[in-house]
Amino acid sequence: MTNLARIEQIFTEILKVEKIEPTMELKSLGLDSLDLVEVMMKLEEEFNIEFTNDEMLGFTTVADVLADIEKKLTK
């Protein structure tokens, strides 16, 4: 399973949306602050990484989340 597929699975489970595209803005998914924390915690668990609060608040699109995860995984 690709990193994007793993991210999509978490977003769709938590937000109850059918499909996630990398270009989608997080706000357009109806992501509120509680959802954001839940999604980020699941992503941290899934990828064994950690996000700072500034990183979480700086994400605009699904692609931003993917890029940051992939950057962390290559360290």
C-alpha atoms as a PDB file:
ATOM      1  CA  MET A   1       0.000   0.000   0.000  1.00  0.00           C
ATOM      2  CA  THR A   2       1.390   3.409  -0.954  1.00  0.00           C
ATOM      3  CA  ASN A   3       1.798   6.226   1.542  1.00  0.00           C
ATOM      4  CA  LEU A   4      -0.966   8.126  -0.244  1.00  0.00           C
ATOM      5  CA  ALA A   5      -3.321   5.145   0.026  1.00  0.00           C
ATOM      6  CA  ARG A   6      -2.583   4.850   3.737  1.00  0.00           C
ATOM      7  CA  ILE A   7      -3.304   8.564   4.214  1.00  0.00           C
ATOM      8  CA  GLU A   8      -6.504   8.330   2.174  1.00  0.00           C
ATOM      9  CA  GLN A   9      -7.700   5.423   4.281  1.00  0.00           C
ATOM     10  CA  ILE A  10      -7.264   7.380   7.511  1.00  0.00           C
ATOM     11  CA  PHE A  11      -8.932  10.514   6.131  1.00  0.00           C
ATOM     12  CA  THR A  12     -11.893   8.587   4.724  1.00  0.00           C
ATOM     13  CA  GLU A  13     -12.400   6.621   7.945  1.00  0.00           C
ATOM     14  CA  ILE A  14     -12.373   9.664  10.212  1.00  0.00           C
ATOM     15  CA  LEU A  15     -14.113  12.185   7.962  1.00  0.00           C
ATOM     16  CA  LYS A  16     -16.600   9.747   6.418  1.00  0.00           C
ATOM     17  CA  VAL A  17     -15.855  10.924   2.875  1.00  0.00           C
ATOM     18  CA  GLU A  18     -15.724   8.634  -0.136  1.00  0.00           C
ATOM     19  CA  LYS A  19     -12.595   9.790  -1.924  1.00  0.00           C
ATOM     20  CA  ILE A  20      -9.589  11.908  -1.102  1.00  0.00           C
ATOM     21  CA  GLU A  21      -7.430  13.568  -3.760  1.00  0.00           C
ATOM     22  CA  PRO A  22      -3.979  15.021  -3.024  1.00  0.00           C
ATOM     23  CA  THR A  23      -5.044  18.440  -4.326  1.00  0.00           C
ATOM     24  CA  MET A  24      -8.017  18.672  -1.959  1.00  0.00           C
ATOM     25  CA  GLU A  25      -7.851  21.387   0.659  1.00  0.00           C
ATOM     26  CA  LEU A  26      -8.294  20.142   4.190  1.00  0.00           C
ATOM     27  CA  LYS A  27     -10.908  22.821   4.895  1.00  0.00           C
ATOM     28  CA  SER A  28     -13.005  21.590   1.970  1.00  0.00           C
ATOM     29  CA  LEU A  29     -13.147  18.168   3.634  1.00  0.00           C
ATOM     30  CA  GLY A  30     -14.936  19.670   6.616  1.00  0.00           C
ATOM     31  CA  LEU A  31     -11.897  19.154   8.831  1.00  0.00           C
ATOM     32  CA  ASP A  32     -12.343  20.972  12.131  1.00  0.00           C
ATOM     33  CA  SER A  33      -9.686  21.252  14.827  1.00  0.00           C
ATOM     34  CA  LEU A  34     -10.793  18.079  16.619  1.00  0.00           C
ATOM     35  CA  ASP A  35     -10.793  16.125  13.358  1.00  0.00           C
ATOM     36  CA  LEU A  36      -7.347  17.487  12.563  1.00  0.00           C
ATOM     37  CA  VAL A  37      -5.952  16.252  15.878  1.00  0.00           C
ATOM     38  CA  GLU A  38      -7.566  12.837  15.408  1.00  0.00           C
ATOM     39  CA  VAL A  39      -6.265  12.508  11.833  1.00  0.00           C
ATOM     40  CA  MET A  40      -2.762  13.594  12.818  1.00  0.00           C
ATOM     41  CA  MET A  41      -2.669  11.179  15.755  1.00  0.00           C
ATOM     42  CA  LYS A  42      -3.698   8.304  13.478  1.00  0.00           C
ATOM     43  CA  LEU A  43      -1.094   9.338  10.896  1.00  0.00           C
ATOM     44  CA  GLU A  44       1.595   9.533  13.572  1.00  0.00           C
ATOM     45  CA  GLU A  45       0.665   6.039  14.722  1.00  0.00           C
ATOM     46  CA  GLU A  46       0.440   4.637  11.179  1.00  0.00           C
ATOM     47  CA  PHE A  47       3.801   6.023  10.045  1.00  0.00           C
ATOM     48  CA  ASN A  48       5.587   6.060  13.436  1.00  0.00           C
ATOM     49  CA  ILE A  49       6.342   9.787  13.157  1.00  0.00           C
ATOM     50  CA  GLU A  50       5.464  12.962  15.075  1.00  0.00           C
ATOM     51  CA  PHE A  51       4.038  16.287  13.933  1.00  0.00           C
ATOM     52  CA  THR A  52       4.580  19.587  15.722  1.00  0.00           C
ATOM     53  CA  ASN A  53       1.591  21.846  16.309  1.00  0.00           C
ATOM     54  CA  ASP A  54       3.007  24.313  13.789  1.00  0.00           C
ATOM     55  CA  GLU A  55       3.264  21.568  11.162  1.00  0.00           C
ATOM     56  CA  MET A  56      -0.325  20.485  11.746  1.00  0.00           C
ATOM     57  CA  LEU A  57      -1.618  24.034  11.486  1.00  0.00           C
ATOM     58  CA  GLY A  58       0.467  24.679   8.370  1.00  0.00           C
ATOM     59  CA  PHE A  59      -1.072  21.918   6.261  1.00  0.00           C
ATOM     60  CA  THR A  60      -3.392  23.234   3.547  1.00  0.00           C
ATOM     61  CA  THR A  61      -3.883  20.228   1.264  1.00  0.00           C
ATOM     62  CA  VAL A  62      -3.674  16.464   1.476  1.00  0.00           C
ATOM     63  CA  ALA A  63      -0.517  16.740  -0.663  1.00  0.00           C
ATOM     64  CA  ASP A  64       1.081  18.916   2.052  1.00  0.00           C
ATOM     65  CA  VAL A  65       0.463  16.146   4.580  1.00  0.00           C
ATOM     66  CA  LEU A  66       1.852  13.511   2.212  1.00  0.00           C
ATOM     67  CA  ALA A  67       4.981  15.573   1.447  1.00  0.00           C
ATOM     68  CA  ASP A  68       5.723  16.113   5.137  1.00  0.00           C
ATOM     69  CA  ILE A  69       5.232  12.423   5.948  1.00  0.00           C
ATOM     70  CA  GLU A  70       7.521  11.360   3.115  1.00  0.00           C
ATOM     71  CA  LYS A  71      10.142  13.895   4.249  1.00  0.00           C
ATOM     72  CA  LYS A  72      10.001  12.511   7.792  1.00  0.00           C
ATOM     73  CA  LEU A  73      10.262   8.918   6.562  1.00  0.00           C
ATOM     74  CA  THR A  74      13.462   9.642   4.633  1.00  0.00           C
ATOM     75  CA  LYS A  75      15.282  11.122   7.646  1.00  0.00           C
END
